[in-house]
Amino acid sequence: TIEDPIEFVHRNKNCRVTQREVENDTPSFSSALRRVLRQDPDVIMVGELRDLDSISAALTIAETGHLTFGTLHTNDAVQSLNRMIDVFPPFQQQQIRTQLSFVLEGILCQQLVTRADGRGRVLGCEILLATPAIRALIRDNKVHQIPSAIQTGGNLGMRTMNQSLYELYRTRQITYEEAISRATDSDELKRIFQRQS
């Protein structure tokens, strides 16, 4: 892992885990990513994809066939994709869309939502899987159509954040107000509520 800071120490059990902390063990995410392949890793976890250098390095590593995880502070899959693409100058963005369309396997967005009884939180999550249709939407710069593709991909295990929030409300785990306040598109979530009532 490459983290800033290391938030959870992983113990070696059935595998060997090497954790690096930015500034203590390596000067930056991008410098650690440039050197990580020398250790012959199976899986690489980047604490956060913050800038052009770290996103570019993570994409390049993924292109070598290494399973690469990264985190972003975004609320849904479209925001995540746009964040990764928009850090690049306009003349490079089509190349990045193409790279993403080849290496992306999925996006999981999560929010911890206050429970209806006030006792803790429950997980709301959006799941995008990189199907051929999703890959084509990314490559063809039609990212705005991805929420519809996620909605229709429920049989594959995909779901939007709004679908997740509705399900949490339907099972009485969260309130209507909490669902609306956490929605990625509150008008669309209200339409889901109206259709289901």
Foldseek 3Di string as FASTA:
>chain_A
DEAAAPDDDDDDDPHDDDYHYDPPRHPDLLVCLVCVCVVVDQEEEHAADDALSNLVSQLVVLVVVHHYHHDYPDAWDLVVLCVSQVRDPPVCSLVVLLSCLPRPAKDKGWDFFQWAVRPGTDIQIFIDGNDVVNSVCSNVVVSVCVQVVQPVCVVVPGHTSLVSLVVCVVVRGHDPVRSLVSDPDNVVSVVVVVVVD
